[in-house]
């Protein structure tokens, strides 16, 4: 059974301005995991990838906001499998990852990043 869906669209330039701004390092450290930071910074244009991961965080929050309280953006981490497929890890104390199947999709152009998140309760759990 689908518990929630969430979608978010992010302006890459908005994320770029925040990161390059006076409090950019603080924003990155409070929002992204070390794994996400390392992943994004390996690209020529890291801002597009930061925007995509930010969209995933916002999309996930929208999908589960009725069942999870106290969810920090840094608790939501996008990782990639060896094949490149994005996967979600959630570290929030009040969200048990083992009870849900989570599917995410991230798309981006130079100017826009979007993410779609589906959270489904596992049968029998």
Protein backbone atom coordinates (compact mmCIF):
# COMPACT_ATOMS: atom_id res chain seq x y z
CA UNK A 1 0.00 0.00 0.00
CA UNK A 2 1.32 3.44 -0.92
CA UNK A 3 1.78 5.53 2.19
CA UNK A 4 2.77 8.72 0.40
CA UNK A 5 4.21 10.34 -2.68
CA UNK A 6 6.20 13.51 -2.95
CA UNK A 7 7.63 15.58 -5.74
CA UNK A 8 9.86 18.62 -5.64
CA UNK A 9 11.38 20.92 -8.24
CA UNK A 10 14.44 23.00 -7.41
CA UNK A 11 16.00 25.93 -9.24
CA UNK A 12 19.70 25.01 -9.57
CA UNK A 13 20.74 28.68 -9.53
CA UNK A 14 18.98 29.17 -6.18
CA UNK A 15 21.02 26.33 -4.67
CA UNK A 16 24.18 27.67 -6.31
CA UNK A 17 23.62 31.14 -4.79
CA UNK A 18 23.04 29.66 -1.35
CA UNK A 19 26.17 27.48 -1.54
CA UNK A 20 28.34 30.30 -2.86
CA UNK A 21 26.89 32.73 -0.33
CA UNK A 22 28.16 33.77 3.05
CA UNK A 23 26.56 30.80 4.84
CA UNK A 24 27.13 28.25 2.07
CA UNK A 25 29.28 25.88 4.10
CA UNK A 26 26.78 25.96 6.96
CA UNK A 27 23.93 25.13 4.53
CA UNK A 28 25.86 22.19 3.07
CA UNK A 29 26.87 20.80 6.47
CA UNK A 30 23.33 21.08 7.90
CA UNK A 31 21.60 19.67 4.81
CA UNK A 32 23.80 17.00 3.24
CA UNK A 33 25.66 13.92 4.49
CA UNK A 34 29.38 13.49 3.92
CA UNK A 35 28.59 10.87 1.27
CA UNK A 36 26.29 13.29 -0.58
CA UNK A 37 28.82 16.12 -0.38
CA UNK A 38 31.59 13.88 -1.74
CA UNK A 39 29.33 12.63 -4.55
CA UNK A 40 28.22 16.11 -5.66
CA UNK A 41 31.69 17.65 -5.46
CA UNK A 42 33.17 15.09 -7.86
CA UNK A 43 31.27 16.69 -10.76
CA UNK A 44 32.31 19.69 -12.80
CA UNK A 45 28.98 21.32 -11.88
CA UNK A 46 28.22 20.14 -8.34
CA UNK A 47 25.27 22.55 -7.93
CA UNK A 48 23.03 20.52 -10.23
CA UNK A 49 23.65 17.43 -8.12
CA UNK A 50 23.19 19.26 -4.82
CA UNK A 51 19.88 20.57 -6.19
CA UNK A 52 18.80 17.05 -7.16
CA UNK A 53 19.57 15.67 -3.73
CA UNK A 54 17.83 18.62 -2.10
CA UNK A 55 14.74 17.87 -4.23
CA UNK A 56 14.80 14.25 -3.00
CA UNK A 57 14.89 15.41 0.62
CA UNK A 58 11.94 17.75 0.08
CA UNK A 59 10.02 15.13 -1.90
CA UNK A 60 10.54 12.52 0.81
CA UNK A 61 9.42 14.94 3.49
CA UNK A 62 6.23 15.63 1.52
CA UNK A 63 5.61 11.89 1.14
CA UNK A 64 5.92 11.09 4.85
CA UNK A 65 5.01 14.27 6.70
CA UNK A 66 1.76 12.72 7.95
CA UNK A 67 3.52 9.72 9.51
CA UNK A 68 6.88 11.14 10.66
CA UNK A 69 7.56 14.00 12.99
CA UNK A 70 10.90 15.66 13.65
CA UNK A 71 12.60 14.93 10.37
CA UNK A 72 15.81 16.83 9.58
CA UNK A 73 17.01 17.20 6.00
CA UNK A 74 20.35 15.66 6.92
CA UNK A 75 18.48 12.55 8.15
CA UNK A 76 17.53 11.88 4.52
CA UNK A 77 20.46 10.64 2.41
CA UNK A 78 20.59 9.79 -1.27
CA UNK A 79 23.22 7.23 -2.20
CA UNK A 80 23.91 5.53 -5.51
CA UNK A 81 24.22 1.81 -6.13
CA UNK A 82 27.10 0.48 -8.24
CA UNK A 83 24.81 0.69 -11.27
CA UNK A 84 24.10 4.36 -10.53
CA UNK A 85 20.53 3.88 -9.28
CA UNK A 86 19.69 6.39 -6.53
CA UNK A 87 18.57 4.90 -3.22
CA UNK A 88 17.31 6.58 -0.08
CA UNK A 89 18.60 6.04 3.44
CA UNK A 90 16.64 7.59 6.29
CA UNK A 91 18.30 7.97 9.68
CA UNK A 92 15.39 9.51 11.58
CA UNK A 93 14.69 7.87 14.94
CA UNK A 94 10.96 7.69 14.31
CA UNK A 95 11.09 6.16 10.81
CA UNK A 96 11.81 2.44 10.46
CA UNK A 97 13.26 1.88 6.97
CA UNK A 98 12.57 -1.86 7.23
CA UNK A 99 8.80 -1.24 7.12
CA UNK A 100 8.86 0.56 3.76
CA UNK A 101 9.91 0.29 0.15
CA UNK A 102 11.09 3.67 -1.07
CA UNK A 103 11.55 4.49 -4.74
CA UNK A 104 13.10 7.72 -5.93
CA UNK A 105 13.75 9.28 -9.29
CA UNK A 106 15.94 12.31 -9.88
CA UNK A 107 16.12 14.35 -13.08
CA UNK A 108 17.93 17.54 -13.87
CA UNK A 109 18.93 19.99 -16.55
CA UNK A 110 21.41 22.82 -16.17
CA UNK A 111 18.74 24.97 -14.54
CA UNK A 112 16.22 22.68 -12.87
CA UNK A 113 16.37 19.57 -10.70
CA UNK A 114 13.34 17.45 -9.86
CA UNK A 115 12.71 14.41 -7.72
CA UNK A 116 9.81 12.03 -7.30
CA UNK A 117 9.48 9.84 -4.21
CA UNK A 118 7.11 6.93 -3.54
CA UNK A 119 6.88 5.40 -0.06
CA UNK A 120 5.14 2.06 0.13
CA UNK A 121 4.41 -0.01 3.25
CA UNK A 122 5.77 -3.53 2.99
CA UNK A 123 3.19 -6.30 3.19
CA UNK A 124 3.01 -8.17 6.45
CA UNK A 125 5.12 -5.69 8.39
